[in-house]
Amino acid sequence: MPSSLEFIVVQDILLTETAQQADVVFPAVTFAEKDGSMTNLDHHVQAIRRSLRPLPGARTDWEILIELAQHLGTTWNYETPADILHEIAENNPFYAGLEWEDLGKQGVRITQEQEVARA
């Protein structure tokens, strides 16, 4: 790690070498401990559903970012991953009209034709 860095913040699930050198470490959760969504390279949007309860003190990525942003003066008020997906759909034509409920158990694949039709 470059010695020129004045302050290092790490968000990780393990106490990695980088985390050991950090000034602040945010304990994150694994994919199995959080709800959310992901889009793969084939434009398949899937819901990620929590299957394990996180350890005390560990938080999801979006919860960490929201609290950090609020401390920096923003007014992010997301309460669920569905709220975040809704905002993404409002601001990115690729996801236009997509709702959390659309993801179901298998997710949805957004084709280029759908993307163009939505834009």
PDB file of N, CA and C in Angstrom:
ATOM      1  N   MET A   1       0.847  -1.167   0.000  1.00  0.00           N
ATOM      2  CA  MET A   1       0.000   0.000   0.000  1.00  0.00           C
ATOM      3  C   MET A   1       0.899   1.239   0.000  1.00  0.00           C
ATOM      4  N   PRO A   2       0.577   2.223  -0.835  1.00  0.00           N
ATOM      5  CA  PRO A   2       1.421   3.422  -0.894  1.00  0.00           C
ATOM      6  C   PRO A   2       1.508   4.129   0.452  1.00  0.00           C
ATOM      7  N   SER A   3       2.704   4.503   0.837  1.00  0.00           N
ATOM      8  CA  SER A   3       2.889   5.183   2.118  1.00  0.00           C
ATOM      9  C   SER A   3       2.421   6.630   2.066  1.00  0.00           C
ATOM     10  N   SER A   4       2.088   7.122   0.874  1.00  0.00           N
ATOM     11  CA  SER A   4       1.650   8.509   0.735  1.00  0.00           C
ATOM     12  C   SER A   4       0.189   8.706   1.148  1.00  0.00           C
ATOM     13  N   LEU A   5      -0.529   7.629   1.390  1.00  0.00           N
ATOM     14  CA  LEU A   5      -1.926   7.752   1.797  1.00  0.00           C
ATOM     15  C   LEU A   5      -2.003   8.255   3.231  1.00  0.00           C
ATOM     16  N   GLU A   6      -2.806   9.293   3.428  1.00  0.00           N
ATOM     17  CA  GLU A   6      -2.921   9.879   4.756  1.00  0.00           C
ATOM     18  C   GLU A   6      -3.954   9.178   5.628  1.00  0.00           C
ATOM     19  N   PHE A   7      -5.000   8.670   4.992  1.00  0.00           N
ATOM     20  CA  PHE A   7      -6.101   8.089   5.754  1.00  0.00           C
ATOM     21  C   PHE A   7      -6.706   6.966   4.931  1.00  0.00           C
ATOM     22  N   ILE A   8      -6.850   5.801   5.520  1.00  0.00           N
ATOM     23  CA  ILE A   8      -7.350   4.638   4.793  1.00  0.00           C
ATOM     24  C   ILE A   8      -8.617   4.122   5.462  1.00  0.00           C
ATOM     25  N   VAL A   9      -9.664   3.961   4.646  1.00  0.00           N
ATOM     26  CA  VAL A   9     -10.925   3.393   5.103  1.00  0.00           C
ATOM     27  C   VAL A   9     -11.169   2.125   4.294  1.00  0.00           C
ATOM     28  N   VAL A  10     -11.523   1.050   4.983  1.00  0.00           N
ATOM     29  CA  VAL A  10     -11.762  -0.233   4.328  1.00  0.00           C
ATOM     30  C   VAL A  10     -13.122  -0.762   4.769  1.00  0.00           C
ATOM     31  N   GLN A  11     -13.827  -1.325   3.812  1.00  0.00           N
ATOM     32  CA  GLN A  11     -15.073  -2.037   4.094  1.00  0.00           C
ATOM     33  C   GLN A  11     -14.855  -3.452   3.594  1.00  0.00           C
ATOM     34  N   ASP A  12     -14.855  -4.419   4.501  1.00  0.00           N
ATOM     35  CA  ASP A  12     -14.531  -5.782   4.088  1.00  0.00           C
ATOM     36  C   ASP A  12     -15.161  -6.780   5.042  1.00  0.00           C
ATOM     37  N   ILE A  13     -15.230  -8.018   4.578  1.00  0.00           N
ATOM     38  CA  ILE A  13     -15.782  -9.087   5.413  1.00  0.00           C
ATOM     39  C   ILE A  13     -14.698  -9.786   6.222  1.00  0.00           C
ATOM     40  N   LEU A  14     -13.438  -9.554   5.862  1.00  0.00           N
ATOM     41  CA  LEU A  14     -12.306 -10.173   6.552  1.00  0.00           C
ATOM     42  C   LEU A  14     -11.295  -9.111   6.958  1.00  0.00           C
ATOM     43  N   LEU A  15     -10.513  -9.424   7.959  1.00  0.00           N
ATOM     44  CA  LEU A  15      -9.454  -8.513   8.372  1.00  0.00           C
ATOM     45  C   LEU A  15      -8.236  -8.778   7.485  1.00  0.00           C
ATOM     46  N   THR A  16      -8.316  -8.275   6.269  1.00  0.00           N
ATOM     47  CA  THR A  16      -7.268  -8.477   5.273  1.00  0.00           C
ATOM     48  C   THR A  16      -6.032  -7.652   5.633  1.00  0.00           C
ATOM     49  N   GLU A  17      -4.977  -7.837   4.860  1.00  0.00           N
ATOM     50  CA  GLU A  17      -3.760  -7.052   5.079  1.00  0.00           C
ATOM     51  C   GLU A  17      -4.060  -5.560   4.950  1.00  0.00           C
ATOM     52  N   THR A  18      -4.870  -5.210   3.967  1.00  0.00           N
ATOM     53  CA  THR A  18      -5.250  -3.807   3.791  1.00  0.00           C
ATOM     54  C   THR A  18      -6.048  -3.316   4.989  1.00  0.00           C
ATOM     55  N   ALA A  19      -6.999  -4.119   5.447  1.00  0.00           N
ATOM     56  CA  ALA A  19      -7.814  -3.729   6.598  1.00  0.00           C
ATOM     57  C   ALA A  19      -6.956  -3.552   7.848  1.00  0.00           C
ATOM     58  N   GLN A  20      -5.938  -4.374   7.998  1.00  0.00           N
ATOM     59  CA  GLN A  20      -5.050  -4.260   9.155  1.00  0.00           C
ATOM     60  C   GLN A  20      -4.294  -2.937   9.158  1.00  0.00           C
ATOM     61  N   GLN A  21      -4.084  -2.364   7.989  1.00  0.00           N
ATOM     62  CA  GLN A  21      -3.360  -1.096   7.888  1.00  0.00           C
ATOM     63  C   GLN A  21      -4.295   0.112   7.883  1.00  0.00           C
ATOM     64  N   ALA A  22      -5.589  -0.136   7.862  1.00  0.00           N
ATOM     65  CA  ALA A  22      -6.562   0.945   7.739  1.00  0.00           C
ATOM     66  C   ALA A  22      -6.732   1.717   9.036  1.00  0.00           C
ATOM     67  N   ASP A  23      -7.120   2.976   8.882  1.00  0.00           N
ATOM     68  CA  ASP A  23      -7.461   3.807  10.034  1.00  0.00           C
ATOM     69  C   ASP A  23      -8.871   3.496  10.524  1.00  0.00           C
ATOM     70  N   VAL A  24      -9.749   3.150   9.583  1.00  0.00           N
ATOM     71  CA  VAL A  24     -11.135   2.800   9.900  1.00  0.00           C
ATOM     72  C   VAL A  24     -11.504   1.557   9.099  1.00  0.00           C
ATOM     73  N   VAL A  25     -12.149   0.596   9.769  1.00  0.00           N
ATOM     74  CA  VAL A  25     -12.639  -0.602   9.087  1.00  0.00           C
ATOM     75  C   VAL A  25     -14.131  -0.723   9.352  1.00  0.00           C
ATOM     76  N   PHE A  26     -14.905  -0.753   8.278  1.00  0.00           N
ATOM     77  CA  PHE A  26     -16.338  -0.999   8.384  1.00  0.00           C
ATOM     78  C   PHE A  26     -16.558  -2.493   8.169  1.00  0.00           C
ATOM     79  N   PRO A  27     -17.072  -3.199   9.181  1.00  0.00           N
ATOM     80  CA  PRO A  27     -17.301  -4.636   9.009  1.00  0.00           C
ATOM     81  C   PRO A  27     -18.516  -4.881   8.116  1.00  0.00           C
ATOM     82  N   ALA A  28     -18.274  -5.462   6.969  1.00  0.00           N
ATOM     83  CA  ALA A  28     -19.335  -5.723   5.998  1.00  0.00           C
ATOM     84  C   ALA A  28     -19.859  -7.144   6.168  1.00  0.00           C
ATOM     85  N   VAL A  29     -20.886  -7.459   5.414  1.00  0.00           N
ATOM     86  CA  VAL A  29     -21.461  -8.797   5.448  1.00  0.00           C
ATOM     87  C   VAL A  29     -21.200  -9.503   4.121  1.00  0.00           C
ATOM     88  N   THR A  30     -21.302 -10.821   4.135  1.00  0.00           N
ATOM     89  CA  THR A  30     -21.130 -11.604   2.918  1.00  0.00           C
ATOM     90  C   THR A  30     -22.414 -11.565   2.097  1.00  0.00           C
ATOM     91  N   PHE A  31     -22.338 -12.092   0.879  1.00  0.00           N
ATOM     92  CA  PHE A  31     -23.518 -12.144   0.013  1.00  0.00           C
ATOM     93  C   PHE A  31     -24.649 -12.932   0.668  1.00  0.00           C
ATOM     94  N   ALA A  32     -24.327 -13.897   1.492  1.00  0.00           N
ATOM     95  CA  ALA A  32     -25.349 -14.737   2.120  1.00  0.00           C
ATOM     96  C   ALA A  32     -26.052 -14.034   3.277  1.00  0.00           C
ATOM     97  N   GLU A  33     -25.532 -12.877   3.679  1.00  0.00           N
ATOM     98  CA  GLU A  33     -26.089 -12.161   4.827  1.00  0.00           C
ATOM     99  C   GLU A  33     -26.797 -10.865   4.437  1.00  0.00           C
ATOM    100  N   LYS A  34     -27.082 -10.683   3.143  1.00  0.00           N
ATOM    101  CA  LYS A  34     -27.702  -9.423   2.740  1.00  0.00           C
ATOM    102  C   LYS A  34     -28.722  -9.619   1.628  1.00  0.00           C
ATOM    103  N   ASP A  35     -29.641  -8.682   1.568  1.00  0.00           N
ATOM    104  CA  ASP A  35     -30.591  -8.580   0.469  1.00  0.00           C
ATOM    105  C   ASP A  35     -30.072  -7.513  -0.478  1.00  0.00           C
ATOM    106  N   GLY A  36     -30.398  -7.652  -1.740  1.00  0.00           N
ATOM    107  CA  GLY A  36     -29.980  -6.660  -2.719  1.00  0.00           C
ATOM    108  C   GLY A  36     -30.265  -7.158  -4.115  1.00  0.00           C
ATOM    109  N   SER A  37     -29.618  -6.556  -5.077  1.00  0.00           N
ATOM    110  CA  SER A  37     -29.760  -7.009  -6.458  1.00  0.00           C
ATOM    111  C   SER A  37     -28.410  -6.914  -7.143  1.00  0.00           C
ATOM    112  N   MET A  38     -28.284  -7.647  -8.230  1.00  0.00           N
ATOM    113  CA  MET A  38     -27.061  -7.601  -9.022  1.00  0.00           C
ATOM    114  C   MET A  38     -27.420  -7.769 -10.486  1.00  0.00           C
ATOM    115  N   THR A  39     -26.589  -7.214 -11.332  1.00  0.00           N
ATOM    116  CA  THR A  39     -26.752  -7.362 -12.773  1.00  0.00           C
ATOM    117  C   THR A  39     -25.480  -7.995 -13.306  1.00  0.00           C
ATOM    118  N   ASN A  40     -25.615  -9.117 -14.017  1.00  0.00           N
ATOM    119  CA  ASN A  40     -24.418  -9.751 -14.559  1.00  0.00           C
ATOM    120  C   ASN A  40     -24.119  -9.202 -15.957  1.00  0.00           C
ATOM    121  N   LEU A  41     -23.068  -9.700 -16.565  1.00  0.00           N
ATOM    122  CA  LEU A  41     -22.644  -9.192 -17.873  1.00  0.00           C
ATOM    123  C   LEU A  41     -23.628  -9.509 -18.990  1.00  0.00           C
ATOM    124  N   ASP A  42     -24.527 -10.456 -18.736  1.00  0.00           N
ATOM    125  CA  ASP A  42     -25.528 -10.838 -19.727  1.00  0.00           C
ATOM    126  C   ASP A  42     -26.831 -10.058 -19.531  1.00  0.00           C
ATOM    127  N   HIS A  43     -26.790  -9.008 -18.717  1.00  0.00           N
ATOM    128  CA  HIS A  43     -27.945  -8.144 -18.426  1.00  0.00           C
ATOM    129  C   HIS A  43     -29.050  -8.873 -17.668  1.00  0.00           C
ATOM    130  N   HIS A  44     -28.678  -9.899 -16.923  1.00  0.00           N
ATOM    131  CA  HIS A  44     -29.634 -10.619 -16.090  1.00  0.00           C
ATOM    132  C   HIS A  44     -29.629  -9.956 -14.716  1.00  0.00           C
ATOM    133  N   VAL A  45     -30.765  -9.371 -14.342  1.00  0.00           N
ATOM    134  CA  VAL A  45     -30.893  -8.684 -13.056  1.00  0.00           C
ATOM    135  C   VAL A  45     -31.540  -9.658 -12.083  1.00  0.00           C
ATOM    136  N   GLN A  46     -30.865  -9.899 -10.967  1.00  0.00           N
ATOM    137  CA  GLN A  46     -31.353 -10.864  -9.997  1.00  0.00           C
ATOM    138  C   GLN A  46     -31.424 -10.253  -8.608  1.00  0.00           C
ATOM    139  N   ALA A  47     -32.384 -10.733  -7.844  1.00  0.00           N
ATOM    140  CA  ALA A  47     -32.457 -10.366  -6.436  1.00  0.00           C
ATOM    141  C   ALA A  47     -31.502 -11.267  -5.663  1.00  0.00           C
ATOM    142  N   ILE A  48     -30.850 -10.684  -4.685  1.00  0.00           N
ATOM    143  CA  ILE A  48     -30.029 -11.446  -3.744  1.00  0.00           C
ATOM    144  C   ILE A  48     -30.817 -11.457  -2.446  1.00  0.00           C
ATOM    145  N   ARG A  49     -31.058 -12.636  -1.936  1.00  0.00           N
ATOM    146  CA  ARG A  49     -31.858 -12.742  -0.717  1.00  0.00           C
ATOM    147  C   ARG A  49     -31.035 -13.354   0.409  1.00  0.00           C
ATOM    148  N   ARG A  50     -31.110 -12.711   1.546  1.00  0.00           N
ATOM    149  CA  ARG A  50     -30.344 -13.128   2.718  1.00  0.00           C
ATOM    150  C   ARG A  50     -30.749 -14.536   3.157  1.00  0.00           C
ATOM    151  N   SER A  51     -29.745 -15.356   3.452  1.00  0.00           N
ATOM    152  CA  SER A  51     -30.023 -16.695   3.971  1.00  0.00           C
ATOM    153  C   SER A  51     -29.440 -16.894   5.369  1.00  0.00           C
ATOM    154  N   LEU A  52     -28.561 -15.989   5.788  1.00  0.00           N
ATOM    155  CA  LEU A  52     -27.962 -16.054   7.121  1.00  0.00           C
ATOM    156  C   LEU A  52     -28.107 -14.710   7.821  1.00  0.00           C
ATOM    157  N   ARG A  53     -28.218 -14.747   9.127  1.00  0.00           N
ATOM    158  CA  ARG A  53     -28.273 -13.515   9.906  1.00  0.00           C
ATOM    159  C   ARG A  53     -26.842 -13.002  10.099  1.00  0.00           C
ATOM    160  N   PRO A  54     -26.602 -11.704   9.845  1.00  0.00           N
ATOM    161  CA  PRO A  54     -25.244 -11.162  10.017  1.00  0.00           C
ATOM    162  C   PRO A  54     -24.800 -11.184  11.480  1.00  0.00           C
ATOM    163  N   LEU A  55     -23.499 -11.195  11.675  1.00  0.00           N
ATOM    164  CA  LEU A  55     -22.945 -11.089  13.020  1.00  0.00           C
ATOM    165  C   LEU A  55     -23.242  -9.708  13.586  1.00  0.00           C
ATOM    166  N   PRO A  56     -23.336  -9.577  14.896  1.00  0.00           N
ATOM    167  CA  PRO A  56     -23.579  -8.260  15.493  1.00  0.00           C
ATOM    168  C   PRO A  56     -22.512  -7.258  15.054  1.00  0.00           C
ATOM    169  N   GLY A  57     -22.957  -6.080  14.661  1.00  0.00           N
ATOM    170  CA  GLY A  57     -22.046  -5.018  14.246  1.00  0.00           C
ATOM    171  C   GLY A  57     -21.761  -4.987  12.762  1.00  0.00           C
ATOM    172  N   ALA A  58     -22.004  -6.086  12.062  1.00  0.00           N
ATOM    173  CA  ALA A  58     -21.775  -6.111  10.616  1.00  0.00           C
ATOM    174  C   ALA A  58     -22.994  -5.523   9.916  1.00  0.00           C
ATOM    175  N   ARG A  59     -22.740  -4.768   8.848  1.00  0.00           N
ATOM    176  CA  ARG A  59     -23.832  -4.104   8.141  1.00  0.00           C
ATOM    177  C   ARG A  59     -23.683  -4.326   6.644  1.00  0.00           C
ATOM    178  N   THR A  60     -24.788  -4.191   5.946  1.00  0.00           N
ATOM    179  CA  THR A  60     -24.747  -4.339   4.495  1.00  0.00           C
ATOM    180  C   THR A  60     -24.033  -3.138   3.877  1.00  0.00           C
ATOM    181  N   ASP A  61     -23.569  -3.334   2.652  1.00  0.00           N
ATOM    182  CA  ASP A  61     -22.855  -2.265   1.953  1.00  0.00           C
ATOM    183  C   ASP A  61     -23.697  -0.995   1.884  1.00  0.00           C
ATOM    184  N   TRP A  62     -24.962  -1.161   1.489  1.00  0.00           N
ATOM    185  CA  TRP A  62     -25.797   0.023   1.311  1.00  0.00           C
ATOM    186  C   TRP A  62     -26.087   0.709   2.646  1.00  0.00           C
ATOM    187  N   GLU A  63     -26.200  -0.037   3.728  1.00  0.00           N
ATOM    188  CA  GLU A  63     -26.425   0.588   5.038  1.00  0.00           C
ATOM    189  C   GLU A  63     -25.197   1.395   5.465  1.00  0.00           C
ATOM    190  N   ILE A  64     -24.017   0.849   5.209  1.00  0.00           N
ATOM    191  CA  ILE A  64     -22.780   1.559   5.543  1.00  0.00           C
ATOM    192  C   ILE A  64     -22.685   2.852   4.733  1.00  0.00           C
ATOM    193  N   LEU A  65     -22.934   2.756   3.435  1.00  0.00           N
ATOM    194  CA  LEU A  65     -22.830   3.941   2.574  1.00  0.00           C
ATOM    195  C   LEU A  65     -23.864   5.004   2.925  1.00  0.00           C
ATOM    196  N   ILE A  66     -25.072   4.584   3.260  1.00  0.00           N
ATOM    197  CA  ILE A  66     -26.109   5.552   3.627  1.00  0.00           C
ATOM    198  C   ILE A  66     -25.728   6.294   4.901  1.00  0.00           C
ATOM    199  N   GLU A  67     -25.276   5.569   5.911  1.00  0.00           N
ATOM    200  CA  GLU A  67     -24.903   6.240   7.156  1.00  0.00           C
ATOM    201  C   GLU A  67     -23.717   7.170   6.948  1.00  0.00           C
ATOM    202  N   LEU A  68     -22.743   6.727   6.181  1.00  0.00           N
ATOM    203  CA  LEU A  68     -21.591   7.576   5.883  1.00  0.00           C
ATOM    204  C   LEU A  68     -22.031   8.828   5.129  1.00  0.00           C
ATOM    205  N   ALA A  69     -22.884   8.651   4.127  1.00  0.00           N
ATOM    206  CA  ALA A  69     -23.381   9.789   3.348  1.00  0.00           C
ATOM    207  C   ALA A  69     -24.161  10.764   4.227  1.00  0.00           C
ATOM    208  N   GLN A  70     -24.968  10.248   5.135  1.00  0.00           N
ATOM    209  CA  GLN A  70     -25.734  11.122   6.028  1.00  0.00           C
ATOM    210  C   GLN A  70     -24.814  11.917   6.951  1.00  0.00           C
ATOM    211  N   HIS A  71     -23.735  11.290   7.408  1.00  0.00           N
ATOM    212  CA  HIS A  71     -22.764  12.012   8.237  1.00  0.00           C
ATOM    213  C   HIS A  71     -22.055  13.100   7.440  1.00  0.00           C
ATOM    214  N   LEU A  72     -22.018  12.925   6.119  1.00  0.00           N
ATOM    215  CA  LEU A  72     -21.392  13.925   5.250  1.00  0.00           C
ATOM    216  C   LEU A  72     -22.398  14.970   4.766  1.00  0.00           C
ATOM    217  N   GLY A  73     -23.650  14.868   5.236  1.00  0.00           N
ATOM    218  CA  GLY A  73     -24.630  15.903   4.948  1.00  0.00           C
ATOM    219  C   GLY A  73     -25.640  15.605   3.858  1.00  0.00           C
ATOM    220  N   THR A  74     -25.679  14.403   3.322  1.00  0.00           N
ATOM    221  CA  THR A  74     -26.685  14.087   2.304  1.00  0.00           C
ATOM    222  C   THR A  74     -27.977  13.637   2.976  1.00  0.00           C
ATOM    223  N   THR A  75     -29.008  13.505   2.184  1.00  0.00           N
ATOM    224  CA  THR A  75     -30.301  13.088   2.726  1.00  0.00           C
ATOM    225  C   THR A  75     -30.782  11.804   2.062  1.00  0.00           C
ATOM    226  N   TRP A  76     -29.922  10.820   1.970  1.00  0.00           N
ATOM    227  CA  TRP A  76     -30.340   9.532   1.437  1.00  0.00           C
ATOM    228  C   TRP A  76     -31.246   8.864   2.461  1.00  0.00           C
ATOM    229  N   ASN A  77     -32.417   8.449   2.023  1.00  0.00           N
ATOM    230  CA  ASN A  77     -33.386   7.861   2.946  1.00  0.00           C
ATOM    231  C   ASN A  77     -33.854   6.484   2.495  1.00  0.00           C
ATOM    232  N   TYR A  78     -32.964   5.685   1.967  1.00  0.00           N
ATOM    233  CA  TYR A  78     -33.338   4.341   1.542  1.00  0.00           C
ATOM    234  C   TYR A  78     -33.557   3.467   2.772  1.00  0.00           C
ATOM    235  N   GLU A  79     -34.608   2.666   2.723  1.00  0.00           N
ATOM    236  CA  GLU A  79     -34.870   1.757   3.832  1.00  0.00           C
ATOM    237  C   GLU A  79     -34.705   0.298   3.437  1.00  0.00           C
ATOM    238  N   THR A  80     -34.740   0.033   2.136  1.00  0.00           N
ATOM    239  CA  THR A  80     -34.613  -1.340   1.647  1.00  0.00           C
ATOM    240  C   THR A  80     -33.867  -1.347   0.315  1.00  0.00           C
ATOM    241  N   PRO A  81     -33.354  -2.494  -0.091  1.00  0.00           N
ATOM    242  CA  PRO A  81     -32.763  -2.595  -1.425  1.00  0.00           C
ATOM    243  C   PRO A  81     -33.775  -2.274  -2.531  1.00  0.00           C
ATOM    244  N   ALA A  82     -35.051  -2.535  -2.282  1.00  0.00           N
ATOM    245  CA  ALA A  82     -36.086  -2.200  -3.268  1.00  0.00           C
ATOM    246  C   ALA A  82     -36.126  -0.692  -3.512  1.00  0.00           C
ATOM    247  N   ASP A  83     -35.934   0.109  -2.466  1.00  0.00           N
ATOM    248  CA  ASP A  83     -35.895   1.567  -2.615  1.00  0.00           C
ATOM    249  C   ASP A  83     -34.733   1.989  -3.515  1.00  0.00           C
ATOM    250  N   ILE A  84     -33.607   1.331  -3.353  1.00  0.00           N
ATOM    251  CA  ILE A  84     -32.424   1.660  -4.148  1.00  0.00           C
ATOM    252  C   ILE A  84     -32.644   1.267  -5.606  1.00  0.00           C
ATOM    253  N   LEU A  85     -33.186   0.068  -5.838  1.00  0.00           N
ATOM    254  CA  LEU A  85     -33.466  -0.367  -7.206  1.00  0.00           C
ATOM    255  C   LEU A  85     -34.466   0.575  -7.870  1.00  0.00           C
ATOM    256  N   HIS A  86     -35.435   1.046  -7.119  1.00  0.00           N
ATOM    257  CA  HIS A  86     -36.423   1.987  -7.661  1.00  0.00           C
ATOM    258  C   HIS A  86     -35.736   3.266  -8.145  1.00  0.00           C
ATOM    259  N   GLU A  87     -34.819   3.791  -7.352  1.00  0.00           N
ATOM    260  CA  GLU A  87     -34.116   5.006  -7.775  1.00  0.00           C
ATOM    261  C   GLU A  87     -33.218   4.741  -8.981  1.00  0.00           C
ATOM    262  N   ILE A  88     -32.574   3.592  -9.000  1.00  0.00           N
ATOM    263  CA  ILE A  88     -31.758   3.235 -10.167  1.00  0.00           C
ATOM    264  C   ILE A  88     -32.640   3.208 -11.415  1.00  0.00           C
ATOM    265  N   ALA A  89     -33.818   2.589 -11.303  1.00  0.00           N
ATOM    266  CA  ALA A  89     -34.735   2.489 -12.443  1.00  0.00           C
ATOM    267  C   ALA A  89     -35.230   3.858 -12.895  1.00  0.00           C
ATOM    268  N   GLU A  90     -35.361   4.789 -11.966  1.00  0.00           N
ATOM    269  CA  GLU A  90     -35.797   6.142 -12.321  1.00  0.00           C
ATOM    270  C   GLU A  90     -34.710   6.940 -13.030  1.00  0.00           C
ATOM    271  N   ASN A  91     -33.451   6.596 -12.791  1.00  0.00           N
ATOM    272  CA  ASN A  91     -32.348   7.418 -13.291  1.00  0.00           C
ATOM    273  C   ASN A  91     -31.475   6.763 -14.354  1.00  0.00           C
ATOM    274  N   ASN A  92     -31.690   5.489 -14.628  1.00  0.00           N
ATOM    275  CA  ASN A  92     -30.894   4.793 -15.632  1.00  0.00           C
ATOM    276  C   ASN A  92     -31.837   4.143 -16.636  1.00  0.00           C
ATOM    277  N   PRO A  93     -31.812   4.584 -17.889  1.00  0.00           N
ATOM    278  CA  PRO A  93     -32.745   4.047 -18.889  1.00  0.00           C
ATOM    279  C   PRO A  93     -32.688   2.528 -19.039  1.00  0.00           C
ATOM    280  N   PHE A  94     -31.546   1.925 -18.794  1.00  0.00           N
ATOM    281  CA  PHE A  94     -31.420   0.472 -18.902  1.00  0.00           C
ATOM    282  C   PHE A  94     -32.400  -0.237 -17.967  1.00  0.00           C
ATOM    283  N   TYR A  95     -32.636   0.337 -16.793  1.00  0.00           N
ATOM    284  CA  TYR A  95     -33.497  -0.277 -15.782  1.00  0.00           C
ATOM    285  C   TYR A  95     -34.900   0.339 -15.742  1.00  0.00           C
ATOM    286  N   ALA A  96     -35.214   1.224 -16.658  1.00  0.00           N
ATOM    287  CA  ALA A  96     -36.481   1.961 -16.626  1.00  0.00           C
ATOM    288  C   ALA A  96     -37.670   1.024 -16.455  1.00  0.00           C
ATOM    289  N   GLY A  97     -38.506   1.334 -15.485  1.00  0.00           N
ATOM    290  CA  GLY A  97     -39.715   0.561 -15.243  1.00  0.00           C
ATOM    291  C   GLY A  97     -39.516  -0.701 -14.423  1.00  0.00           C
ATOM    292  N   LEU A  98     -38.285  -1.057 -14.120  1.00  0.00           N
ATOM    293  CA  LEU A  98     -38.016  -2.285 -13.367  1.00  0.00           C
ATOM    294  C   LEU A  98     -38.352  -2.076 -11.894  1.00  0.00           C
ATOM    295  N   GLU A  99     -39.083  -2.998 -11.332  1.00  0.00           N
ATOM    296  CA  GLU A  99     -39.439  -2.952  -9.914  1.00  0.00           C
ATOM    297  C   GLU A  99     -38.907  -4.204  -9.222  1.00  0.00           C
ATOM    298  N   TRP A 100     -38.695  -4.117  -7.927  1.00  0.00           N
ATOM    299  CA  TRP A 100     -38.189  -5.224  -7.129  1.00  0.00           C
ATOM    300  C   TRP A 100     -39.035  -6.483  -7.337  1.00  0.00           C
ATOM    301  N   GLU A 101     -40.343  -6.307  -7.386  1.00  0.00           N
ATOM    302  CA  GLU A 101     -41.250  -7.444  -7.541  1.00  0.00           C
ATOM    303  C   GLU A 101     -41.030  -8.164  -8.870  1.00  0.00           C
ATOM    304  N   ASP A 102     -40.540  -7.461  -9.888  1.00  0.00           N
ATOM    305  CA  ASP A 102     -40.288  -8.068 -11.198  1.00  0.00           C
ATOM    306  C   ASP A 102     -39.198  -9.136 -11.134  1.00  0.00           C
ATOM    307  N   LEU A 103     -38.316  -9.044 -10.155  1.00  0.00           N
ATOM    308  CA  LEU A 103     -37.169  -9.943 -10.102  1.00  0.00           C
ATOM    309  C   LEU A 103     -37.554 -11.369  -9.738  1.00  0.00           C
ATOM    310  N   GLY A 104     -38.601 -11.530  -8.933  1.00  0.00           N
ATOM    311  CA  GLY A 104     -39.059 -12.866  -8.568  1.00  0.00           C
ATOM    312  C   GLY A 104     -37.931 -13.759  -8.089  1.00  0.00           C
ATOM    313  N   LYS A 105     -38.061 -15.063  -8.333  1.00  0.00           N
ATOM    314  CA  LYS A 105     -37.033 -16.017  -7.906  1.00  0.00           C
ATOM    315  C   LYS A 105     -35.927 -16.176  -8.938  1.00  0.00           C
ATOM    316  N   GLN A 106     -36.232 -15.936 -10.204  1.00  0.00           N
ATOM    317  CA  GLN A 106     -35.265 -16.171 -11.276  1.00  0.00           C
ATOM    318  C   GLN A 106     -34.615 -14.894 -11.799  1.00  0.00           C
ATOM    319  N   GLY A 107     -35.153 -13.740 -11.445  1.00  0.00           N
ATOM    320  CA  GLY A 107     -34.641 -12.493 -11.990  1.00  0.00           C
ATOM    321  C   GLY A 107     -35.201 -12.242 -13.380  1.00  0.00           C
ATOM    322  N   VAL A 108     -34.719 -11.202 -14.019  1.00  0.00           N
ATOM    323  CA  VAL A 108     -35.154 -10.873 -15.376  1.00  0.00           C
ATOM    324  C   VAL A 108     -33.927 -10.544 -16.215  1.00  0.00           C
ATOM    325  N   ARG A 109     -34.015 -10.867 -17.483  1.00  0.00           N
ATOM    326  CA  ARG A 109     -32.940 -10.518 -18.411  1.00  0.00           C
ATOM    327  C   ARG A 109     -33.442  -9.365 -19.259  1.00  0.00           C
ATOM    328  N   ILE A 110     -32.714  -8.276 -19.229  1.00  0.00           N
ATOM    329  CA  ILE A 110     -33.091  -7.102 -20.001  1.00  0.00           C
ATOM    330  C   ILE A 110     -32.331  -7.156 -21.319  1.00  0.00           C
ATOM    331  N   THR A 111     -33.072  -7.254 -22.404  1.00  0.00           N
ATOM    332  CA  THR A 111     -32.435  -7.318 -23.718  1.00  0.00           C
ATOM    333  C   THR A 111     -32.207  -5.913 -24.249  1.00  0.00           C
ATOM    334  N   GLN A 112     -31.363  -5.804 -25.248  1.00  0.00           N
ATOM    335  CA  GLN A 112     -31.080  -4.500 -25.843  1.00  0.00           C
ATOM    336  C   GLN A 112     -32.353  -3.906 -26.436  1.00  0.00           C
ATOM    337  N   GLU A 113     -33.221  -4.751 -26.995  1.00  0.00           N
ATOM    338  CA  GLU A 113     -34.468  -4.255 -27.568  1.00  0.00           C
ATOM    339  C   GLU A 113     -35.351  -3.637 -26.486  1.00  0.00           C
ATOM    340  N   GLN A 114     -35.406  -4.287 -25.307  1.00  0.00           N
ATOM    341  CA  GLN A 114     -36.192  -3.740 -24.202  1.00  0.00           C
ATOM    342  C   GLN A 114     -35.598  -2.423 -23.741  1.00  0.00           C
ATOM    343  N   GLU A 115     -34.278  -2.369 -23.675  1.00  0.00           N
ATOM    344  CA  GLU A 115     -33.604  -1.151 -23.237  1.00  0.00           C
ATOM    345  C   GLU A 115     -33.930  -0.001 -24.181  1.00  0.00           C
ATOM    346  N   VAL A 116     -33.867  -0.246 -25.480  1.00  0.00           N
ATOM    347  CA  VAL A 116     -34.155   0.791 -26.468  1.00  0.00           C
ATOM    348  C   VAL A 116     -35.623   1.185 -26.389  1.00  0.00           C
ATOM    349  N   ALA A 117     -36.511   0.203 -26.229  1.00  0.00           N
ATOM    350  CA  ALA A 117     -37.939   0.484 -26.158  1.00  0.00           C
ATOM    351  C   ALA A 117     -38.285   1.302 -24.922  1.00  0.00           C
ATOM    352  N   ARG A 118     -37.567   1.088 -23.834  1.00  0.00           N
ATOM    353  CA  ARG A 118     -37.845   1.809 -22.592  1.00  0.00           C
ATOM    354  C   ARG A 118     -37.323   3.235 -22.632  1.00  0.00           C
ATOM    355  N   ALA A 119     -36.236   3.461 -23.365  1.00  0.00           N
ATOM    356  CA  ALA A 119     -35.562   4.767 -23.358  1.00  0.00           C
ATOM    357  C   ALA A 119     -36.395   5.841 -24.015  1.00  0.00           C
TER     358      ALA A 119
END
